[in-house]
C-alpha atoms as a PDB file:
ATOM      1  CA  MET A   1      15.742 -62.841  37.109  1.00  0.00           C
ATOM      2  CA  LYS A   2      18.113 -59.915  37.279  1.00  0.00           C
ATOM      3  CA  ASN A   3      17.109 -59.112  33.624  1.00  0.00           C
ATOM      4  CA  ILE A   4      13.395 -58.978  34.969  1.00  0.00           C
ATOM      5  CA  ASP A   5      14.321 -56.499  37.321  1.00  0.00           C
ATOM      6  CA  THR A   6      15.795 -54.236  35.230  1.00  0.00           C
ATOM      7  CA  ALA A   7      13.481 -54.513  32.436  1.00  0.00           C
ATOM      8  CA  PHE A   8      10.687 -53.630  35.491  1.00  0.00           C
ATOM      9  CA  ARG A   9      13.345 -50.408  36.609  1.00  0.00           C
ATOM     10  CA  HIS A  10      13.533 -49.357  32.730  1.00  0.00           C
ATOM     11  CA  VAL A  11       9.584 -49.563  32.837  1.00  0.00           C
ATOM     12  CA  ARG A  12       8.907 -48.245  35.575  1.00  0.00           C
ATOM     13  CA  GLY A  13      11.687 -45.187  35.162  1.00  0.00           C
ATOM     14  CA  PHE A  14       9.951 -44.817  31.657  1.00  0.00           C
ATOM     15  CA  THR A  15       6.740 -44.727  32.336  1.00  0.00           C
ATOM     16  CA  MET A  16       7.884 -41.949  35.494  1.00  0.00           C
ATOM     17  CA  LEU A  17       9.467 -39.882  32.653  1.00  0.00           C
ATOM     18  CA  VAL A  18       6.270 -40.259  30.619  1.00  0.00           C
ATOM     19  CA  ILE A  19       3.806 -38.992  33.224  1.00  0.00           C
ATOM     20  CA  THR A  20       5.920 -36.113  34.388  1.00  0.00           C
ATOM     21  CA  GLY A  21       6.016 -34.900  30.432  1.00  0.00           C
ATOM     22  CA  CYS A  22       2.334 -35.229  30.344  1.00  0.00           C
ATOM     23  CA  ILE A  23       1.762 -33.106  33.574  1.00  0.00           C
ATOM     24  CA  LEU A  24       4.236 -30.580  32.287  1.00  0.00           C
ATOM     25  CA  ILE A  25       2.838 -30.643  29.061  1.00  0.00           C
ATOM     26  CA  SER A  26      -1.048 -30.342  30.688  1.00  0.00           C
ATOM     27  CA  CYS A  27       0.103 -27.461  33.039  1.00  0.00           C
ATOM     28  CA  PHE A  28       1.913 -25.469  30.066  1.00  0.00           C
ATOM     29  CA  SER A  29      -1.223 -25.967  27.938  1.00  0.00           C
ATOM     30  CA  LEU A  30      -3.779 -24.921  30.301  1.00  0.00           C
ATOM     31  CA  TYR A  31      -1.438 -21.640  31.619  1.00  0.00           C
ATOM     32  CA  LYS A  32      -1.686 -20.939  27.499  1.00  0.00           C
ATOM     33  CA  SER A  33      -5.302 -21.027  27.606  1.00  0.00           C
ATOM     34  CA  PHE A  34      -6.145 -19.196  30.249  1.00  0.00           C
ATOM     35  CA  SER A  35      -3.564 -16.436  28.582  1.00  0.00           C
ATOM     36  CA  LEU A  36      -4.961 -16.350  25.423  1.00  0.00           C
ATOM     37  CA  VAL A  37      -8.564 -16.283  26.888  1.00  0.00           C
ATOM     38  CA  SER A  38      -7.970 -13.103  29.255  1.00  0.00           C
ATOM     39  CA  GLN A  39      -6.081 -11.585  26.431  1.00  0.00           C
ATOM     40  CA  MET A  40      -9.472 -12.293  23.424  1.00  0.00           C
ATOM     41  CA  GLN A  41     -11.742 -10.724  26.937  1.00  0.00           C
ATOM     42  CA  ASN A  42     -10.051  -7.784  26.806  1.00  0.00           C
ATOM     43  CA  LYS A  43     -10.300  -6.973  22.949  1.00  0.00           C
ATOM     44  CA  VAL A  44     -13.593  -5.742  21.233  1.00  0.00           C
ATOM     45  CA  TYR A  45     -14.447  -5.932  17.254  1.00  0.00           C
ATOM     46  CA  ILE A  46     -16.455  -2.987  16.488  1.00  0.00           C
ATOM     47  CA  LEU A  47     -17.813  -2.625  12.750  1.00  0.00           C
ATOM     48  CA  ALA A  48     -17.286   0.772  11.870  1.00  0.00           C
ATOM     49  CA  ASN A  49     -19.029   1.422   7.695  1.00  0.00           C
ATOM     50  CA  GLY A  50     -18.562  -2.156   7.034  1.00  0.00           C
ATOM     51  CA  LYS A  51     -14.805  -2.608   8.252  1.00  0.00           C
ATOM     52  CA  ALA A  52     -13.947  -4.389  11.524  1.00  0.00           C
ATOM     53  CA  LEU A  53     -12.161  -2.328  14.173  1.00  0.00           C
ATOM     54  CA  GLU A  54     -10.092  -3.702  16.947  1.00  0.00           C
ATOM     55  CA  ALA A  55     -10.354  -2.142  20.511  1.00  0.00           C
ATOM     56  CA  TYR A  56      -8.906  -2.965  23.279  1.00  0.00           C
ATOM     57  CA  ALA A  57     -10.215  -2.585  26.920  1.00  0.00           C
ATOM     58  CA  SER A  58      -7.941  -0.875  29.847  1.00  0.00           C
ATOM     59  CA  ASP A  59      -8.015   0.063  33.462  1.00  0.00           C
ATOM     60  CA  ARG A  60      -9.711   3.801  34.359  1.00  0.00           C
ATOM     61  CA  LYS A  61      -6.304   4.607  35.734  1.00  0.00           C
ATOM     62  CA  ASP A  62      -4.715   4.294  32.363  1.00  0.00           C
ATOM     63  CA  ASN A  63      -7.481   6.846  30.854  1.00  0.00           C
ATOM     64  CA  ILE A  64      -7.983   9.164  33.841  1.00  0.00           C
ATOM     65  CA  PRO A  65      -6.026  12.018  32.171  1.00  0.00           C
ATOM     66  CA  VAL A  66      -7.645  11.733  28.730  1.00  0.00           C
ATOM     67  CA  GLU A  67     -11.341  11.419  30.422  1.00  0.00           C
ATOM     68  CA  ALA A  68     -11.144  14.292  32.694  1.00  0.00           C
ATOM     69  CA  ARG A  69      -9.952  16.548  30.076  1.00  0.00           C
ATOM     70  CA  ASP A  70     -12.910  15.718  27.665  1.00  0.00           C
ATOM     71  CA  HIS A  71     -15.297  15.642  30.639  1.00  0.00           C
ATOM     72  CA  VAL A  72     -13.983  18.889  31.244  1.00  0.00           C
ATOM     73  CA  LYS A  73     -14.335  20.166  27.611  1.00  0.00           C
ATOM     74  CA  THR A  74     -17.910  18.773  27.321  1.00  0.00           C
ATOM     75  CA  PHE A  75     -19.303  20.565  30.100  1.00  0.00           C
ATOM     76  CA  HIS A  76     -17.792  24.599  28.769  1.00  0.00           C
ATOM     77  CA  LYS A  77     -19.290  23.337  25.059  1.00  0.00           C
ATOM     78  CA  LEU A  78     -22.562  22.653  26.376  1.00  0.00           C
ATOM     79  CA  PHE A  79     -22.616  25.558  28.959  1.00  0.00           C
ATOM     80  CA  PHE A  80     -21.354  28.159  26.875  1.00  0.00           C
ATOM     81  CA  THR A  81     -22.900  27.107  23.241  1.00  0.00           C
ATOM     82  CA  LEU A  82     -26.141  29.199  23.211  1.00  0.00           C
ATOM     83  CA  ASP A  83     -28.409  30.496  20.020  1.00  0.00           C
ATOM     84  CA  PRO A  84     -31.420  32.418  20.285  1.00  0.00           C
ATOM     85  CA  ASP A  85     -34.088  30.156  21.108  1.00  0.00           C
ATOM     86  CA  ASP A  86     -35.077  29.232  24.728  1.00  0.00           C
ATOM     87  CA  LYS A  87     -34.990  25.490  23.823  1.00  0.00           C
ATOM     88  CA  VAL A  88     -31.424  24.973  23.033  1.00  0.00           C
ATOM     89  CA  ILE A  89     -30.539  26.857  26.086  1.00  0.00           C
ATOM     90  CA  LYS A  90     -32.405  25.040  28.538  1.00  0.00           C
ATOM     91  CA  SER A  91     -31.400  21.760  26.455  1.00  0.00           C
ATOM     92  CA  ASN A  92     -27.526  22.620  26.502  1.00  0.00           C
ATOM     93  CA  VAL A  93     -27.558  23.915  29.836  1.00  0.00           C
ATOM     94  CA  THR A  94     -29.435  21.090  31.696  1.00  0.00           C
ATOM     95  CA  LYS A  95     -27.058  18.852  30.040  1.00  0.00           C
ATOM     96  CA  ALA A  96     -24.041  21.040  31.402  1.00  0.00           C
ATOM     97  CA  LEU A  97     -25.569  20.611  35.105  1.00  0.00           C
ATOM     98  CA  TYR A  98     -25.373  17.132  35.347  1.00  0.00           C
ATOM     99  CA  LEU A  99     -21.659  16.976  34.952  1.00  0.00           C
ATOM    100  CA  ALA A 100     -20.979  19.991  37.616  1.00  0.00           C
ATOM    101  CA  ASP A 101     -22.463  20.691  41.300  1.00  0.00           C
ATOM    102  CA  ASP A 102     -24.315  23.268  42.537  1.00  0.00           C
ATOM    103  CA  SER A 103     -20.868  25.747  41.391  1.00  0.00           C
ATOM    104  CA  ALA A 104     -22.470  25.928  37.966  1.00  0.00           C
ATOM    105  CA  LYS A 105     -26.315  26.182  39.301  1.00  0.00           C
ATOM    106  CA  ARG A 106     -25.359  29.416  40.499  1.00  0.00           C
ATOM    107  CA  VAL A 107     -23.470  30.791  37.694  1.00  0.00           C
ATOM    108  CA  TYR A 108     -26.237  29.713  35.535  1.00  0.00           C
ATOM    109  CA  ASP A 109     -29.012  31.129  38.059  1.00  0.00           C
ATOM    110  CA  ASP A 110     -27.054  34.487  38.372  1.00  0.00           C
ATOM    111  CA  LEU A 111     -26.992  34.941  34.527  1.00  0.00           C
ATOM    112  CA  LYS A 112     -30.476  34.167  34.309  1.00  0.00           C
ATOM    113  CA  GLU A 113     -31.245  36.389  37.312  1.00  0.00           C
ATOM    114  CA  ASN A 114     -29.210  39.411  35.184  1.00  0.00           C
ATOM    115  CA  GLY A 115     -31.296  38.240  31.712  1.00  0.00           C
ATOM    116  CA  TYR A 116     -28.441  37.322  29.828  1.00  0.00           C
ATOM    117  CA  TYR A 117     -29.828  34.711  28.133  1.00  0.00           C
ATOM    118  CA  SER A 118     -33.176  36.523  27.731  1.00  0.00           C
ATOM    119  CA  GLY A 119     -30.365  39.366  25.258  1.00  0.00           C
ATOM    120  CA  ILE A 120     -29.143  36.648  23.905  1.00  0.00           C
ATOM    121  CA  ILE A 121     -32.911  35.783  22.246  1.00  0.00           C
ATOM    122  CA  SER A 122     -33.908  39.077  22.025  1.00  0.00           C
ATOM    123  CA  GLY A 123     -30.387  40.228  20.088  1.00  0.00           C
ATOM    124  CA  ASN A 124     -30.717  36.693  17.778  1.00  0.00           C
ATOM    125  CA  VAL A 125     -27.326  36.506  19.296  1.00  0.00           C
ATOM    126  CA  SER A 126     -25.200  33.060  19.006  1.00  0.00           C
ATOM    127  CA  GLN A 127     -22.360  32.080  21.285  1.00  0.00           C
ATOM    128  CA  THR A 128     -19.584  29.473  20.712  1.00  0.00           C
ATOM    129  CA  ILE A 129     -16.740  28.195  22.259  1.00  0.00           C
ATOM    130  CA  GLN A 130     -13.240  26.793  21.701  1.00  0.00           C
ATOM    131  CA  ILE A 131     -11.417  25.066  23.935  1.00  0.00           C
ATOM    132  CA  ASP A 132      -7.350  25.347  23.801  1.00  0.00           C
ATOM    133  CA  SER A 133      -6.525  23.095  26.252  1.00  0.00           C
ATOM    134  CA  VAL A 134      -7.197  21.905  29.218  1.00  0.00           C
ATOM    135  CA  THR A 135      -4.796  20.981  32.118  1.00  0.00           C
ATOM    136  CA  ILE A 136      -5.301  18.322  35.354  1.00  0.00           C
ATOM    137  CA  ASP A 137      -3.524  17.832  38.030  1.00  0.00           C
ATOM    138  CA  LEU A 138      -3.349  14.348  39.054  1.00  0.00           C
ATOM    139  CA  ASN A 139      -1.178  15.242  42.097  1.00  0.00           C
ATOM    140  CA  ASN A 140      -3.772  15.347  43.872  1.00  0.00           C
ATOM    141  CA  TYR A 141      -6.980  14.417  44.543  1.00  0.00           C
ATOM    142  CA  PRO A 142     -10.037  15.753  43.781  1.00  0.00           C
ATOM    143  CA  TYR A 143      -8.109  16.581  40.277  1.00  0.00           C
ATOM    144  CA  GLY A 144      -7.440  20.349  39.909  1.00  0.00           C
ATOM    145  CA  PHE A 145      -8.365  21.669  36.425  1.00  0.00           C
ATOM    146  CA  ARG A 146      -7.484  24.850  34.392  1.00  0.00           C
ATOM    147  CA  CYS A 147      -9.915  25.317  31.279  1.00  0.00           C
ATOM    148  CA  TYR A 148      -8.658  27.933  28.270  1.00  0.00           C
ATOM    149  CA  ALA A 149     -10.627  28.923  25.764  1.00  0.00           C
ATOM    150  CA  THR A 150     -12.038  31.257  23.854  1.00  0.00           C
ATOM    151  CA  GLN A 151     -15.813  32.527  23.191  1.00  0.00           C
ATOM    152  CA  ASN A 152     -16.922  33.802  20.072  1.00  0.00           C
ATOM    153  CA  ILE A 153     -20.252  36.252  20.550  1.00  0.00           C
ATOM    154  CA  ILE A 154     -22.013  36.566  17.193  1.00  0.00           C
ATOM    155  CA  ARG A 155     -24.110  39.467  16.662  1.00  0.00           C
ATOM    156  CA  THR A 156     -25.865  40.424  13.621  1.00  0.00           C
ATOM    157  CA  THR A 157     -23.799  43.558  13.057  1.00  0.00           C
ATOM    158  CA  SER A 158     -20.026  41.905  14.419  1.00  0.00           C
ATOM    159  CA  ILE A 159     -18.370  39.514  16.227  1.00  0.00           C
ATOM    160  CA  ALA A 160     -16.541  39.585  19.341  1.00  0.00           C
ATOM    161  CA  HIS A 161     -14.103  37.284  20.799  1.00  0.00           C
ATOM    162  CA  ARG A 162     -13.363  37.066  24.157  1.00  0.00           C
ATOM    163  CA  ASN A 163     -10.438  35.030  26.604  1.00  0.00           C
ATOM    164  CA  LEU A 164     -12.057  32.661  29.216  1.00  0.00           C
ATOM    165  CA  ILE A 165     -10.468  31.052  31.989  1.00  0.00           C
ATOM    166  CA  THR A 166     -11.655  28.701  34.563  1.00  0.00           C
ATOM    167  CA  GLU A 167     -10.861  26.130  37.134  1.00  0.00           C
ATOM    168  CA  GLY A 168     -11.549  23.730  39.589  1.00  0.00           C
ATOM    169  CA  ASN A 169     -11.477  19.777  40.150  1.00  0.00           C
ATOM    170  CA  VAL A 170     -13.063  17.076  39.075  1.00  0.00           C
ATOM    171  CA  ARG A 171     -13.927  13.808  41.228  1.00  0.00           C
ATOM    172  CA  ASN A 172     -14.957  10.434  40.802  1.00  0.00           C
ATOM    173  CA  VAL A 173     -19.155   9.437  40.384  1.00  0.00           C
ATOM    174  CA  SER A 174     -20.968   6.856  39.082  1.00  0.00           C
ATOM    175  CA  ARG A 175     -20.921   6.751  35.326  1.00  0.00           C
ATOM    176  CA  SER A 176     -24.565   7.205  33.423  1.00  0.00           C
ATOM    177  CA  ASP A 177     -26.170   8.103  30.283  1.00  0.00           C
ATOM    178  CA  ASN A 178     -25.975  11.787  31.744  1.00  0.00           C
ATOM    179  CA  ASN A 179     -22.679  11.323  33.113  1.00  0.00           C
ATOM    180  CA  PRO A 180     -20.877   8.650  30.638  1.00  0.00           C
ATOM    181  CA  HIS A 181     -17.427  10.075  31.703  1.00  0.00           C
ATOM    182  CA  GLY A 182     -18.355   9.519  35.766  1.00  0.00           C
ATOM    183  CA  PHE A 183     -16.468  12.623  37.113  1.00  0.00           C
ATOM    184  CA  LEU A 184     -18.223  15.648  38.965  1.00  0.00           C
ATOM    185  CA  ILE A 185     -16.987  19.194  38.775  1.00  0.00           C
ATOM    186  CA  GLU A 186     -16.529  20.998  41.633  1.00  0.00           C
ATOM    187  CA  ARG A 187     -16.095  24.648  43.126  1.00  0.00           C
ATOM    188  CA  TRP A 188     -15.969  26.181  39.417  1.00  0.00           C
ATOM    189  CA  ASN A 189     -15.633  29.547  39.188  1.00  0.00           C
ATOM    190  CA  THR A 190     -14.295  31.939  36.018  1.00  0.00           C
ATOM    191  CA  ILE A 191     -10.512  32.994  36.687  1.00  0.00           C
ATOM    192  CA  GLU A 192     -11.030  35.565  33.399  1.00  0.00           C
ATOM    193  CA  ASN A 193     -13.105  36.668  30.990  1.00  0.00           C
ATOM    194  CA  ARG A 194     -12.421  39.762  28.618  1.00  0.00           C
ATOM    195  CA  ASP A 195     -12.477  40.765  25.222  1.00  0.00           C
ATOM    196  CA  ILE A 196      -9.903  40.099  23.170  1.00  0.00           C
ATOM    197  CA  SER A 197     -11.536  41.649  20.035  1.00  0.00           C
ATOM    198  CA  THR A 198     -14.126  42.680  17.665  1.00  0.00           C
ATOM    199  CA  GLU A 199     -14.926  42.397  14.150  1.00  0.00           C
ATOM    200  CA  ASN A 200     -17.491  43.779  11.696  1.00  0.00           C
ATOM    201  CA  ARG A 201     -19.483  41.365  10.131  1.00  0.00           C
ATOM    202  CA  LYS A 202     -20.470  41.922   6.025  1.00  0.00           C
END
C-alpha cells in the first residue's frame, strides 16, 4: 500500500509538472505569435523596378518634423513656380491654396489685382524657386515655421535672383488627395523678398 501511495504521489507530481510546463509553453508561444504578427503588420513590402523594398509603419508624431517641412516646401514650390501660361498658373496656385488658409488667398488676390500674373504671361517670364531650408518650431502648437528660399525670375534678356523669407504656422487637418500631409498653413506672410543679383542671358 505504501508503494502504491508513493507511486500515486510521484505520478500526480509528474502530471502537475507536465501540465504546468504545457501551460507555460502555450503562453510563451501565444505571446511570441502575437508579437510576430504585430511586427509583420508594421512592415510593408513595395515593389519598385522589379525589386521588393521593405517599409515600416510608424506613428505620425515620429514624422511630424519631416512631413511639416515637406508640406511647407510643397506649398512654396506650387505657389511660386510660374510659367507664361494662364492654365499652368491657375493649376499651380489652386493646388497651393489647398495647403494654406485665406492668408495665402489674399496674397494671390493682391498679386492678381496688381497685374502680376498678367505681366508674367505678357512678358514671357518664368519663375522658379529653390527652397534653401525650412525650420519648424515643435515646442508650441500650431507649429511655427520659417522658410528660406531663392527665387529665379527668368526673362528674355536676364535672370534675376531674389531672396525670399516667409513665416507662418502649420496645424493638423484631415488628410486628403489635395492635402496628403494633413497640415494647413496659417497666417502666412512674407518677411523679405529682395533682389540679390541679376545676370544677362546670352
